[in-house]
Amino acid sequence: MKFVVVGAGAWGTAFALHLARAGQAVTLVPRRAEQALSLTAARENTDYLPGVALPLELYVDAHLEAALAGAEVVLLACPSQALRETGVRVRGALGAAKPLLVVSLAKGLELGTHLRPSQVISEVLPGIPAASLTGPTNAAEVARGLPAARVLAAPATAPAVADVQAALSGATLRVYTSDDLPGVEFGGCLKNIYAIAAGCCDGLKLGDNSRAALHTRALAEMVRVGVALGARPETFYGLSGFGDLIATCHGAWSRNRQFGFAIGEGRTVAELMAHRKTVVEGYKTTESFHGLCVERKIDAPILREMHAILYEGKVPASAIKALMTRGLKRE
């Protein structure tokens, strides 16, 4: 099956490498021509995935139109706030061609519209089934071929999902499927917010008890918010919900957790966001989800306090106190 991965950050590069290792035909498309030249010459993504060799079977091409010729599956490996613009570029390069599936690797809601990744894709690429691939994985481990599992969420009516699932899977990556696109995508978005919260707790050195309490109540909040927005509750106990929540809240590699840790230690949000090379998806996702919860009148106290920390200058210790002194109730 012919895959095209649009975006050569850490995750796009890692997944393209996985596909090449699995024997699939794959082209990695960096945004910039100079990055394509660098990847081709060095056979390594020194900026985003240093130390991992790119096999010769992984083709790199900055010319999107040429890369997309004959593509059966297109994976969009870009930040959620760049997904619409990336989709528009893909639409122009595809012309009349229609791949079997366009798959988002992003985890975040679009600012302003509050649309999920697959909804953004459906708007800019009408007539092509849109899907999301998510779960508890980080780029470096996938690139190294360590065992992992993910979930491919696609509409029940999308053709060839089983074929794509089989092509994505291999000895080091097991892919499950789901037709609950809202649940899978909301889980992938929300866990980044709670990972920032977990980092704050660790930066404040609050201990294991607080971390366990946060994870438990974050999962409960994730289910409540997701169901209120039309998702199925059981989805949040799977890979895209609980699985991704635990990985992102605990993993030393998690940019969201690292971001929260630094805030907990006393650094300012403005300082941390200045001149960043990599994206902290949970930062913008907090803004987007907070707006959506206010609009829909959904009670999400952890999310609300994280928004106050990130956008209103609230001190993390004060947010902890606000959560701990809320009205008592049954679990």
C-alpha atoms as a PDB file:
ATOM      1  CA  MET A   1       0.000   0.000   0.000  1.00  0.00           C
ATOM      2  CA  LYS A   2       1.381   3.435  -0.913  1.00  0.00           C
ATOM      3  CA  PHE A   3       1.589   5.883   2.006  1.00  0.00           C
ATOM      4  CA  VAL A   4       2.514   9.560   2.022  1.00  0.00           C
ATOM      5  CA  VAL A   5       3.400  11.239   5.312  1.00  0.00           C
ATOM      6  CA  VAL A   6       3.051  15.027   5.115  1.00  0.00           C
ATOM      7  CA  GLY A   7       5.201  16.661   7.790  1.00  0.00           C
ATOM      8  CA  ALA A   8       8.716  15.692   8.857  1.00  0.00           C
ATOM      9  CA  GLY A   9       8.762  16.541  12.536  1.00  0.00           C
ATOM     10  CA  ALA A  10       9.628  13.850  15.075  1.00  0.00           C
ATOM     11  CA  TRP A  11       6.341  11.997  14.813  1.00  0.00           C
ATOM     12  CA  GLY A  12       5.973  12.180  11.018  1.00  0.00           C
ATOM     13  CA  THR A  13       9.542  10.951  10.581  1.00  0.00           C
ATOM     14  CA  ALA A  14       9.113   8.153  13.126  1.00  0.00           C
ATOM     15  CA  PHE A  15       5.918   6.878  11.566  1.00  0.00           C
ATOM     16  CA  ALA A  16       7.321   7.017   8.050  1.00  0.00           C
ATOM     17  CA  LEU A  17      10.284   5.018   9.325  1.00  0.00           C
ATOM     18  CA  HIS A  18       7.913   2.458  10.879  1.00  0.00           C
ATOM     19  CA  LEU A  19       6.035   2.069   7.590  1.00  0.00           C
ATOM     20  CA  ALA A  20       9.282   1.581   5.652  1.00  0.00           C
ATOM     21  CA  ARG A  21      10.390  -1.016   8.186  1.00  0.00           C
ATOM     22  CA  ALA A  22       7.032  -2.783   7.772  1.00  0.00           C
ATOM     23  CA  GLY A  23       7.622  -3.090   4.031  1.00  0.00           C
ATOM     24  CA  GLN A  24       5.169  -0.426   2.870  1.00  0.00           C
ATOM     25  CA  ALA A  25       5.888   2.061   0.084  1.00  0.00           C
ATOM     26  CA  VAL A  26       6.218   5.392   1.886  1.00  0.00           C
ATOM     27  CA  THR A  27       7.237   8.935   1.010  1.00  0.00           C
ATOM     28  CA  LEU A  28       7.995  11.525   3.692  1.00  0.00           C
ATOM     29  CA  VAL A  29       7.207  15.100   2.649  1.00  0.00           C
ATOM     30  CA  PRO A  30       8.928  17.866   4.662  1.00  0.00           C
ATOM     31  CA  ARG A  31       7.445  21.336   4.444  1.00  0.00           C
ATOM     32  CA  ARG A  32      10.727  22.931   3.410  1.00  0.00           C
ATOM     33  CA  ALA A  33      12.910  21.936   0.462  1.00  0.00           C
ATOM     34  CA  GLU A  34      16.093  22.501   2.483  1.00  0.00           C
ATOM     35  CA  GLN A  35      14.877  20.064   5.131  1.00  0.00           C
ATOM     36  CA  ALA A  36      14.233  17.459   2.433  1.00  0.00           C
ATOM     37  CA  LEU A  37      17.770  17.916   1.127  1.00  0.00           C
ATOM     38  CA  SER A  38      19.185  17.582   4.634  1.00  0.00           C
ATOM     39  CA  LEU A  39      17.214  14.400   5.378  1.00  0.00           C
ATOM     40  CA  THR A  40      18.218  12.867   2.056  1.00  0.00           C
ATOM     41  CA  ALA A  41      21.888  13.677   2.487  1.00  0.00           C
ATOM     42  CA  ALA A  42      22.277  12.782   6.180  1.00  0.00           C
ATOM     43  CA  ARG A  43      19.672   9.980   6.304  1.00  0.00           C
ATOM     44  CA  GLU A  44      18.792  11.382   9.722  1.00  0.00           C
ATOM     45  CA  ASN A  45      16.401  14.019  11.059  1.00  0.00           C
ATOM     46  CA  THR A  46      18.943  15.846  13.203  1.00  0.00           C
ATOM     47  CA  ASP A  47      16.474  18.573  14.206  1.00  0.00           C
ATOM     48  CA  TYR A  48      13.602  16.436  15.469  1.00  0.00           C
ATOM     49  CA  LEU A  49      14.748  12.795  15.727  1.00  0.00           C
ATOM     50  CA  PRO A  50      18.536  12.782  16.142  1.00  0.00           C
ATOM     51  CA  GLY A  51      20.422   9.524  16.338  1.00  0.00           C
ATOM     52  CA  VAL A  52      17.911   7.485  14.312  1.00  0.00           C
ATOM     53  CA  ALA A  53      19.037   6.391  10.846  1.00  0.00           C
ATOM     54  CA  LEU A  54      16.524   6.647   8.008  1.00  0.00           C
ATOM     55  CA  PRO A  55      16.558   3.544   5.755  1.00  0.00           C
ATOM     56  CA  LEU A  56      17.081   3.957   2.047  1.00  0.00           C
ATOM     57  CA  GLU A  57      13.595   2.492   1.522  1.00  0.00           C
ATOM     58  CA  LEU A  58      12.155   5.678   3.043  1.00  0.00           C
ATOM     59  CA  TYR A  59      11.851   8.160   0.180  1.00  0.00           C
ATOM     60  CA  VAL A  60      11.978  11.898   0.966  1.00  0.00           C
ATOM     61  CA  ASP A  61      10.420  14.417  -1.415  1.00  0.00           C
ATOM     62  CA  ALA A  62       9.541  18.077  -0.805  1.00  0.00           C
ATOM     63  CA  HIS A  63       7.388  18.203  -3.960  1.00  0.00           C
ATOM     64  CA  LEU A  64       3.930  17.468  -2.594  1.00  0.00           C
ATOM     65  CA  GLU A  65       2.193  16.983  -5.961  1.00  0.00           C
ATOM     66  CA  ALA A  66       4.733  14.392  -7.126  1.00  0.00           C
ATOM     67  CA  ALA A  67       4.728  12.612  -3.765  1.00  0.00           C
ATOM     68  CA  LEU A  68       0.927  12.313  -3.730  1.00  0.00           C
ATOM     69  CA  ALA A  69       0.699  10.755  -7.198  1.00  0.00           C
ATOM     70  CA  GLY A  70      -0.930   7.362  -6.701  1.00  0.00           C
ATOM     71  CA  ALA A  71      -1.090   7.706  -2.914  1.00  0.00           C
ATOM     72  CA  GLU A  72      -3.592   5.365  -1.260  1.00  0.00           C
ATOM     73  CA  VAL A  73      -3.268   6.678   2.305  1.00  0.00           C
ATOM     74  CA  VAL A  74      -2.173  10.197   3.281  1.00  0.00           C
ATOM     75  CA  LEU A  75      -1.071  10.848   6.862  1.00  0.00           C
ATOM     76  CA  LEU A  76      -1.011  14.461   8.050  1.00  0.00           C
ATOM     77  CA  ALA A  77       1.734  14.773  10.682  1.00  0.00           C
ATOM     78  CA  CYS A  78       1.420  18.414  11.688  1.00  0.00           C
ATOM     79  CA  PRO A  79       0.278  20.360  14.762  1.00  0.00           C
ATOM     80  CA  SER A  80      -3.490  20.656  15.110  1.00  0.00           C
ATOM     81  CA  GLN A  81      -3.445  24.419  14.480  1.00  0.00           C
ATOM     82  CA  ALA A  82      -1.653  23.835  11.154  1.00  0.00           C
ATOM     83  CA  LEU A  83      -3.973  21.042  10.033  1.00  0.00           C
ATOM     84  CA  ARG A  84      -6.347  23.189   7.973  1.00  0.00           C
ATOM     85  CA  GLU A  85      -3.545  24.906   6.057  1.00  0.00           C
ATOM     86  CA  THR A  86      -1.818  21.558   5.474  1.00  0.00           C
ATOM     87  CA  GLY A  87      -5.076  20.043   4.233  1.00  0.00           C
ATOM     88  CA  VAL A  88      -5.566  22.915   1.796  1.00  0.00           C
ATOM     89  CA  ARG A  89      -2.069  22.317   0.391  1.00  0.00           C
ATOM     90  CA  VAL A  90      -2.830  18.614   0.022  1.00  0.00           C
ATOM     91  CA  ARG A  91      -6.110  19.383  -1.744  1.00  0.00           C
ATOM     92  CA  GLY A  92      -4.324  21.562  -4.283  1.00  0.00           C
ATOM     93  CA  ALA A  93      -1.666  18.932  -4.896  1.00  0.00           C
ATOM     94  CA  LEU A  94      -4.147  16.038  -5.212  1.00  0.00           C
ATOM     95  CA  GLY A  95      -6.248  17.614  -7.911  1.00  0.00           C
ATOM     96  CA  ALA A  96      -8.946  15.118  -8.895  1.00  0.00           C
ATOM     97  CA  ALA A  97      -7.217  12.153  -7.235  1.00  0.00           C
ATOM     98  CA  LYS A  98      -8.886  10.626  -4.171  1.00  0.00           C
ATOM     99  CA  PRO A  99      -6.902   8.478  -1.723  1.00  0.00           C
ATOM    100  CA  LEU A 100      -8.677   5.745   0.224  1.00  0.00           C
ATOM    101  CA  LEU A 101      -8.131   7.587   3.484  1.00  0.00           C
ATOM    102  CA  VAL A 102      -6.612  10.801   4.864  1.00  0.00           C
ATOM    103  CA  VAL A 103      -5.422  10.224   8.421  1.00  0.00           C
ATOM    104  CA  SER A 104      -4.639  12.853  11.052  1.00  0.00           C
ATOM    105  CA  LEU A 105      -1.819  12.300  13.531  1.00  0.00           C
ATOM    106  CA  ALA A 106      -2.683  15.569  15.338  1.00  0.00           C
ATOM    107  CA  LYS A 107      -4.090  15.784  18.866  1.00  0.00           C
ATOM    108  CA  GLY A 108      -5.925  19.035  19.445  1.00  0.00           C
ATOM    109  CA  LEU A 109      -9.038  21.064  18.635  1.00  0.00           C
ATOM    110  CA  GLU A 110      -8.898  23.892  16.121  1.00  0.00           C
ATOM    111  CA  LEU A 111      -9.008  27.290  17.799  1.00  0.00           C
ATOM    112  CA  GLY A 112     -12.145  29.287  17.078  1.00  0.00           C
ATOM    113  CA  THR A 113     -14.116  26.480  15.426  1.00  0.00           C
ATOM    114  CA  HIS A 114     -13.502  23.831  18.154  1.00  0.00           C
ATOM    115  CA  LEU A 115     -13.406  21.250  15.346  1.00  0.00           C
ATOM    116  CA  ARG A 116     -11.724  17.880  15.810  1.00  0.00           C
ATOM    117  CA  PRO A 117      -8.901  16.921  13.404  1.00  0.00           C
ATOM    118  CA  SER A 118     -11.066  14.636  11.241  1.00  0.00           C
ATOM    119  CA  GLN A 119     -13.714  17.366  10.991  1.00  0.00           C
ATOM    120  CA  VAL A 120     -11.119  19.858   9.755  1.00  0.00           C
ATOM    121  CA  ILE A 121      -9.935  17.333   7.158  1.00  0.00           C
ATOM    122  CA  SER A 122     -13.510  16.670   6.022  1.00  0.00           C
ATOM    123  CA  GLU A 123     -14.067  20.387   5.498  1.00  0.00           C
ATOM    124  CA  VAL A 124     -10.950  20.957   3.401  1.00  0.00           C
ATOM    125  CA  LEU A 125     -10.915  17.580   1.618  1.00  0.00           C
ATOM    126  CA  PRO A 126     -14.597  16.809   0.970  1.00  0.00           C
ATOM    127  CA  GLY A 127     -15.407  13.429  -0.498  1.00  0.00           C
ATOM    128  CA  ILE A 128     -12.344  11.692   1.005  1.00  0.00           C
ATOM    129  CA  PRO A 129     -12.852   9.643   4.198  1.00  0.00           C
ATOM    130  CA  ALA A 130     -11.057  11.235   7.160  1.00  0.00           C
ATOM    131  CA  ALA A 131      -9.596   9.253  10.044  1.00  0.00           C
ATOM    132  CA  SER A 132      -7.376   9.689  13.108  1.00  0.00           C
ATOM    133  CA  LEU A 133      -4.510   7.537  14.329  1.00  0.00           C
ATOM    134  CA  THR A 134      -3.687   7.991  17.988  1.00  0.00           C
ATOM    135  CA  GLY A 135      -2.692   6.228  21.188  1.00  0.00           C
ATOM    136  CA  PRO A 136       0.012   5.983  23.865  1.00  0.00           C
ATOM    137  CA  THR A 137       3.147   6.267  21.764  1.00  0.00           C
ATOM    138  CA  ASN A 138       6.103   8.605  21.485  1.00  0.00           C
ATOM    139  CA  ALA A 139       8.171   9.171  18.381  1.00  0.00           C
ATOM    140  CA  ALA A 140      11.553   7.983  19.639  1.00  0.00           C
ATOM    141  CA  GLU A 141      10.263   4.594  20.801  1.00  0.00           C
ATOM    142  CA  VAL A 142       8.338   3.974  17.566  1.00  0.00           C
ATOM    143  CA  ALA A 143      11.423   4.965  15.573  1.00  0.00           C
ATOM    144  CA  ARG A 144      13.515   2.486  17.567  1.00  0.00           C
ATOM    145  CA  GLY A 145      11.010  -0.293  16.921  1.00  0.00           C
ATOM    146  CA  LEU A 146       9.870  -0.800  20.518  1.00  0.00           C
ATOM    147  CA  PRO A 147       6.467  -2.544  20.880  1.00  0.00           C
ATOM    148  CA  ALA A 148       3.434  -0.248  20.965  1.00  0.00           C
ATOM    149  CA  ALA A 149      -0.286  -0.120  20.197  1.00  0.00           C
ATOM    150  CA  ARG A 150      -2.482   2.529  18.604  1.00  0.00           C
ATOM    151  CA  VAL A 151      -6.075   2.954  17.458  1.00  0.00           C
ATOM    152  CA  LEU A 152      -7.244   3.940  13.968  1.00  0.00           C
ATOM    153  CA  ALA A 153     -10.585   5.740  14.187  1.00  0.00           C
ATOM    154  CA  ALA A 154     -12.594   6.041  10.994  1.00  0.00           C
ATOM    155  CA  PRO A 155     -16.270   6.290  10.013  1.00  0.00           C
ATOM    156  CA  ALA A 156     -18.033   2.924   9.841  1.00  0.00           C
ATOM    157  CA  THR A 157     -18.732   3.623   6.165  1.00  0.00           C
ATOM    158  CA  ALA A 158     -15.089   4.287   5.223  1.00  0.00           C
ATOM    159  CA  PRO A 159     -13.785   1.707   2.728  1.00  0.00           C
ATOM    160  CA  ALA A 160     -10.636  -0.355   3.127  1.00  0.00           C
ATOM    161  CA  VAL A 161     -10.180   0.388   6.848  1.00  0.00           C
ATOM    162  CA  ALA A 162      -9.267  -3.249   7.517  1.00  0.00           C
ATOM    163  CA  ASP A 163      -6.671  -3.124   4.731  1.00  0.00           C
ATOM    164  CA  VAL A 164      -5.156   0.080   6.121  1.00  0.00           C
ATOM    165  CA  GLN A 165      -5.160  -1.417   9.618  1.00  0.00           C
ATOM    166  CA  ALA A 166      -3.238  -4.438   8.347  1.00  0.00           C
ATOM    167  CA  ALA A 167      -0.760  -2.268   6.451  1.00  0.00           C
ATOM    168  CA  LEU A 168      -0.123  -0.044   9.487  1.00  0.00           C
ATOM    169  CA  SER A 169       0.413  -3.002  11.798  1.00  0.00           C
ATOM    170  CA  GLY A 170       3.518  -5.101  12.214  1.00  0.00           C
ATOM    171  CA  ALA A 171       5.728  -6.899  14.696  1.00  0.00           C
ATOM    172  CA  THR A 172       6.377  -3.699  16.658  1.00  0.00           C
ATOM    173  CA  LEU A 173       3.067  -1.825  16.283  1.00  0.00           C
ATOM    174  CA  ARG A 174      -0.396  -3.288  16.805  1.00  0.00           C
ATOM    175  CA  VAL A 175      -3.240  -1.156  15.425  1.00  0.00           C
ATOM    176  CA  TYR A 176      -6.843  -1.491  16.612  1.00  0.00           C
ATOM    177  CA  THR A 177      -9.848   0.163  14.945  1.00  0.00           C
ATOM    178  CA  SER A 178     -12.783   2.201  16.228  1.00  0.00           C
ATOM    179  CA  ASP A 179     -15.718   3.969  14.627  1.00  0.00           C
ATOM    180  CA  ASP A 180     -16.081   6.382  17.581  1.00  0.00           C
ATOM    181  CA  LEU A 181     -14.172   9.238  15.975  1.00  0.00           C
ATOM    182  CA  PRO A 182     -15.332  11.833  18.537  1.00  0.00           C
ATOM    183  CA  GLY A 183     -14.274   9.676  21.491  1.00  0.00           C
ATOM    184  CA  VAL A 184     -10.889   8.752  20.060  1.00  0.00           C
ATOM    185  CA  GLU A 185     -10.072  12.330  19.077  1.00  0.00           C
ATOM    186  CA  PHE A 186     -11.372  13.947  22.280  1.00  0.00           C
ATOM    187  CA  GLY A 187      -9.294  11.515  24.339  1.00  0.00           C
ATOM    188  CA  GLY A 188      -6.163  12.344  22.349  1.00  0.00           C
ATOM    189  CA  CYS A 189      -6.817  16.066  22.852  1.00  0.00           C
ATOM    190  CA  LEU A 190      -7.797  16.108  26.524  1.00  0.00           C
ATOM    191  CA  LYS A 191      -4.931  13.963  27.788  1.00  0.00           C
ATOM    192  CA  ASN A 192      -2.467  16.699  26.795  1.00  0.00           C
ATOM    193  CA  ILE A 193      -4.221  19.161  29.116  1.00  0.00           C
ATOM    194  CA  TYR A 194      -4.086  16.716  32.017  1.00  0.00           C
ATOM    195  CA  ALA A 195      -0.442  15.937  31.257  1.00  0.00           C
ATOM    196  CA  ILE A 196       0.371  19.620  31.812  1.00  0.00           C
ATOM    197  CA  ALA A 197      -1.519  19.378  35.109  1.00  0.00           C
ATOM    198  CA  ALA A 198       0.455  16.247  36.072  1.00  0.00           C
ATOM    199  CA  GLY A 199       3.696  18.052  35.292  1.00  0.00           C
ATOM    200  CA  CYS A 200       2.623  20.953  37.498  1.00  0.00           C
ATOM    201  CA  CYS A 201       2.018  18.524  40.397  1.00  0.00           C
ATOM    202  CA  ASP A 202       5.447  16.961  39.925  1.00  0.00           C
ATOM    203  CA  GLY A 203       7.108  20.369  39.623  1.00  0.00           C
ATOM    204  CA  LEU A 204       5.468  21.336  42.907  1.00  0.00           C
ATOM    205  CA  LYS A 205       6.723  18.030  44.423  1.00  0.00           C
ATOM    206  CA  LEU A 206       3.247  17.083  45.649  1.00  0.00           C
ATOM    207  CA  GLY A 207       4.007  13.358  45.783  1.00  0.00           C
ATOM    208  CA  ASP A 208       2.480  10.099  44.620  1.00  0.00           C
ATOM    209  CA  ASN A 209      -0.878  10.535  46.380  1.00  0.00           C
ATOM    210  CA  SER A 210      -1.685  13.736  44.514  1.00  0.00           C
ATOM    211  CA  ARG A 211      -0.505  12.279  41.219  1.00  0.00           C
ATOM    212  CA  ALA A 212      -2.770   9.235  41.615  1.00  0.00           C
ATOM    213  CA  ALA A 213      -5.733  11.416  42.600  1.00  0.00           C
ATOM    214  CA  LEU A 214      -5.164  13.693  39.619  1.00  0.00           C
ATOM    215  CA  HIS A 215      -4.987  10.812  37.137  1.00  0.00           C
ATOM    216  CA  THR A 216      -8.169   9.259  38.508  1.00  0.00           C
ATOM    217  CA  ARG A 217     -10.186  12.465  38.503  1.00  0.00           C
ATOM    218  CA  ALA A 218      -8.773  13.506  35.123  1.00  0.00           C
ATOM    219  CA  LEU A 219     -10.070  10.255  33.622  1.00  0.00           C
ATOM    220  CA  ALA A 220     -13.498  10.871  35.184  1.00  0.00           C
ATOM    221  CA  GLU A 221     -13.509  14.406  33.790  1.00  0.00           C
ATOM    222  CA  MET A 222     -12.365  13.170  30.381  1.00  0.00           C
ATOM    223  CA  VAL A 223     -15.314  10.765  30.240  1.00  0.00           C
ATOM    224  CA  ARG A 224     -17.790  13.419  31.410  1.00  0.00           C
ATOM    225  CA  VAL A 225     -16.622  16.014  28.894  1.00  0.00           C
ATOM    226  CA  GLY A 226     -16.395  13.523  26.033  1.00  0.00           C
ATOM    227  CA  VAL A 227     -19.853  12.032  26.600  1.00  0.00           C
ATOM    228  CA  ALA A 228     -21.378  15.514  26.833  1.00  0.00           C
ATOM    229  CA  LEU A 229     -19.861  16.199  23.397  1.00  0.00           C
ATOM    230  CA  GLY A 230     -21.281  13.043  21.812  1.00  0.00           C
ATOM    231  CA  ALA A 231     -18.600  10.393  22.388  1.00  0.00           C
ATOM    232  CA  ARG A 232     -19.106   6.896  23.796  1.00  0.00           C
ATOM    233  CA  PRO A 233     -17.911   6.462  27.408  1.00  0.00           C
ATOM    234  CA  GLU A 234     -16.160   3.124  26.838  1.00  0.00           C
ATOM    235  CA  THR A 235     -13.794   4.686  24.303  1.00  0.00           C
ATOM    236  CA  PHE A 236     -12.057   6.656  27.064  1.00  0.00           C
ATOM    237  CA  TYR A 237     -11.018   3.459  28.830  1.00  0.00           C
ATOM    238  CA  GLY A 238      -9.070   2.367  25.751  1.00  0.00           C
ATOM    239  CA  LEU A 239      -5.791   3.298  24.103  1.00  0.00           C
ATOM    240  CA  SER A 240      -6.807   6.798  23.025  1.00  0.00           C
ATOM    241  CA  GLY A 241      -8.128   7.723  26.477  1.00  0.00           C
ATOM    242  CA  PHE A 242      -6.727   6.015  29.568  1.00  0.00           C
ATOM    243  CA  GLY A 243      -3.723   4.596  27.687  1.00  0.00           C
ATOM    244  CA  ASP A 244      -2.614   7.917  26.251  1.00  0.00           C
ATOM    245  CA  LEU A 245      -3.392   9.712  29.517  1.00  0.00           C
ATOM    246  CA  ILE A 246      -1.059   7.486  31.542  1.00  0.00           C
ATOM    247  CA  ALA A 247       1.730   7.565  28.950  1.00  0.00           C
ATOM    248  CA  THR A 248       1.662  11.339  28.551  1.00  0.00           C
ATOM    249  CA  CYS A 249       1.333  12.111  32.265  1.00  0.00           C
ATOM    250  CA  HIS A 250       4.214   9.777  33.200  1.00  0.00           C
ATOM    251  CA  GLY A 251       6.594   9.805  30.221  1.00  0.00           C
ATOM    252  CA  ALA A 252       9.771  11.817  30.705  1.00  0.00           C
ATOM    253  CA  TRP A 253       9.617  12.436  26.929  1.00  0.00           C
ATOM    254  CA  SER A 254       6.202  14.155  27.140  1.00  0.00           C
ATOM    255  CA  ARG A 255       6.500  17.793  26.079  1.00  0.00           C
ATOM    256  CA  ASN A 256       3.198  18.570  27.811  1.00  0.00           C
ATOM    257  CA  ARG A 257       4.379  17.074  31.097  1.00  0.00           C
ATOM    258  CA  GLN A 258       7.755  18.858  30.812  1.00  0.00           C
ATOM    259  CA  PHE A 259       5.930  22.134  30.165  1.00  0.00           C
ATOM    260  CA  GLY A 260       3.748  21.670  33.256  1.00  0.00           C
ATOM    261  CA  PHE A 261       6.744  20.615  35.361  1.00  0.00           C
ATOM    262  CA  ALA A 262       8.542  23.849  34.539  1.00  0.00           C
ATOM    263  CA  ILE A 263       5.437  25.874  35.450  1.00  0.00           C
ATOM    264  CA  GLY A 264       5.193  23.981  38.748  1.00  0.00           C
ATOM    265  CA  GLU A 265       8.817  24.874  39.469  1.00  0.00           C
ATOM    266  CA  GLY A 266       7.998  28.554  39.040  1.00  0.00           C
ATOM    267  CA  ARG A 267       8.775  29.454  35.425  1.00  0.00           C
ATOM    268  CA  THR A 268       6.274  31.632  33.571  1.00  0.00           C
ATOM    269  CA  VAL A 269       4.153  30.492  30.634  1.00  0.00           C
ATOM    270  CA  ALA A 270       5.392  33.422  28.512  1.00  0.00           C
ATOM    271  CA  GLU A 271       8.992  32.451  29.168  1.00  0.00           C
ATOM    272  CA  LEU A 272       8.363  28.818  28.259  1.00  0.00           C
ATOM    273  CA  MET A 273       6.439  29.606  25.073  1.00  0.00           C
ATOM    274  CA  ALA A 274       9.014  32.074  23.732  1.00  0.00           C
ATOM    275  CA  HIS A 275      11.192  30.751  20.904  1.00  0.00           C
ATOM    276  CA  ARG A 276       9.941  27.156  21.228  1.00  0.00           C
ATOM    277  CA  LYS A 277      11.059  24.829  18.437  1.00  0.00           C
ATOM    278  CA  THR A 278       8.570  22.086  19.282  1.00  0.00           C
ATOM    279  CA  VAL A 279       4.814  22.321  19.849  1.00  0.00           C
ATOM    280  CA  VAL A 280       3.088  21.814  23.214  1.00  0.00           C
ATOM    281  CA  GLU A 281      -0.329  20.727  21.918  1.00  0.00           C
ATOM    282  CA  GLY A 282      -1.970  20.950  25.340  1.00  0.00           C
ATOM    283  CA  TYR A 283      -1.393  24.706  25.570  1.00  0.00           C
ATOM    284  CA  LYS A 284      -3.664  25.699  22.677  1.00  0.00           C
ATOM    285  CA  THR A 285      -5.964  22.728  23.332  1.00  0.00           C
ATOM    286  CA  THR A 286      -6.664  24.079  26.821  1.00  0.00           C
ATOM    287  CA  GLU A 287      -7.861  27.344  25.308  1.00  0.00           C
ATOM    288  CA  SER A 288     -10.001  25.566  22.741  1.00  0.00           C
ATOM    289  CA  PHE A 289     -11.585  23.067  25.135  1.00  0.00           C
ATOM    290  CA  HIS A 290     -12.207  25.696  27.798  1.00  0.00           C
ATOM    291  CA  GLY A 291     -14.146  27.771  25.279  1.00  0.00           C
ATOM    292  CA  LEU A 292     -16.109  24.721  24.188  1.00  0.00           C
ATOM    293  CA  CYS A 293     -16.964  23.730  27.787  1.00  0.00           C
ATOM    294  CA  VAL A 294     -18.089  27.262  28.623  1.00  0.00           C
ATOM    295  CA  GLU A 295     -20.184  27.366  25.449  1.00  0.00           C
ATOM    296  CA  ARG A 296     -21.827  23.983  26.196  1.00  0.00           C
ATOM    297  CA  LYS A 297     -22.028  24.544  29.989  1.00  0.00           C
ATOM    298  CA  ILE A 298     -19.938  21.433  30.745  1.00  0.00           C
ATOM    299  CA  ASP A 299     -18.436  21.255  34.228  1.00  0.00           C
ATOM    300  CA  ALA A 300     -14.697  20.518  33.953  1.00  0.00           C
ATOM    301  CA  PRO A 301     -12.912  21.824  37.072  1.00  0.00           C
ATOM    302  CA  ILE A 302      -9.408  20.502  36.284  1.00  0.00           C
ATOM    303  CA  LEU A 303      -9.578  21.919  32.772  1.00  0.00           C
ATOM    304  CA  ARG A 304     -10.922  25.206  34.150  1.00  0.00           C
ATOM    305  CA  GLU A 305      -8.035  25.548  36.613  1.00  0.00           C
ATOM    306  CA  MET A 306      -5.480  24.699  33.931  1.00  0.00           C
ATOM    307  CA  HIS A 307      -6.933  27.459  31.756  1.00  0.00           C
ATOM    308  CA  ALA A 308      -6.590  29.865  34.687  1.00  0.00           C
ATOM    309  CA  ILE A 309      -2.921  28.894  35.112  1.00  0.00           C
ATOM    310  CA  LEU A 310      -2.034  29.073  31.413  1.00  0.00           C
ATOM    311  CA  TYR A 311      -4.072  32.097  30.336  1.00  0.00           C
ATOM    312  CA  GLU A 312      -5.028  34.078  33.449  1.00  0.00           C
ATOM    313  CA  GLY A 313      -1.783  33.995  35.414  1.00  0.00           C
ATOM    314  CA  LYS A 314      -3.117  31.906  38.301  1.00  0.00           C
ATOM    315  CA  VAL A 315      -0.449  30.396  40.546  1.00  0.00           C
ATOM    316  CA  PRO A 316      -0.474  26.551  40.404  1.00  0.00           C
ATOM    317  CA  ALA A 317      -0.624  26.254  44.193  1.00  0.00           C
ATOM    318  CA  SER A 318      -3.784  28.379  44.209  1.00  0.00           C
ATOM    319  CA  ALA A 319      -5.334  26.160  41.534  1.00  0.00           C
ATOM    320  CA  ILE A 320      -4.593  23.090  43.662  1.00  0.00           C
ATOM    321  CA  LYS A 321      -6.290  24.732  46.650  1.00  0.00           C
ATOM    322  CA  ALA A 322      -9.334  25.616  44.547  1.00  0.00           C
ATOM    323  CA  LEU A 323      -9.682  21.984  43.422  1.00  0.00           C
ATOM    324  CA  MET A 324      -9.170  20.572  46.913  1.00  0.00           C
ATOM    325  CA  THR A 325     -11.748  22.867  48.571  1.00  0.00           C
ATOM    326  CA  ARG A 326     -14.587  22.368  46.084  1.00  0.00           C
ATOM    327  CA  GLY A 327     -17.928  21.207  47.480  1.00  0.00           C
ATOM    328  CA  LEU A 328     -17.835  17.580  48.660  1.00  0.00           C
ATOM    329  CA  LYS A 329     -19.821  14.903  46.810  1.00  0.00           C
ATOM    330  CA  ARG A 330     -20.073  11.199  46.041  1.00  0.00           C
ATOM    331  CA  GLU A 331     -17.483   9.693  43.707  1.00  0.00           C
END
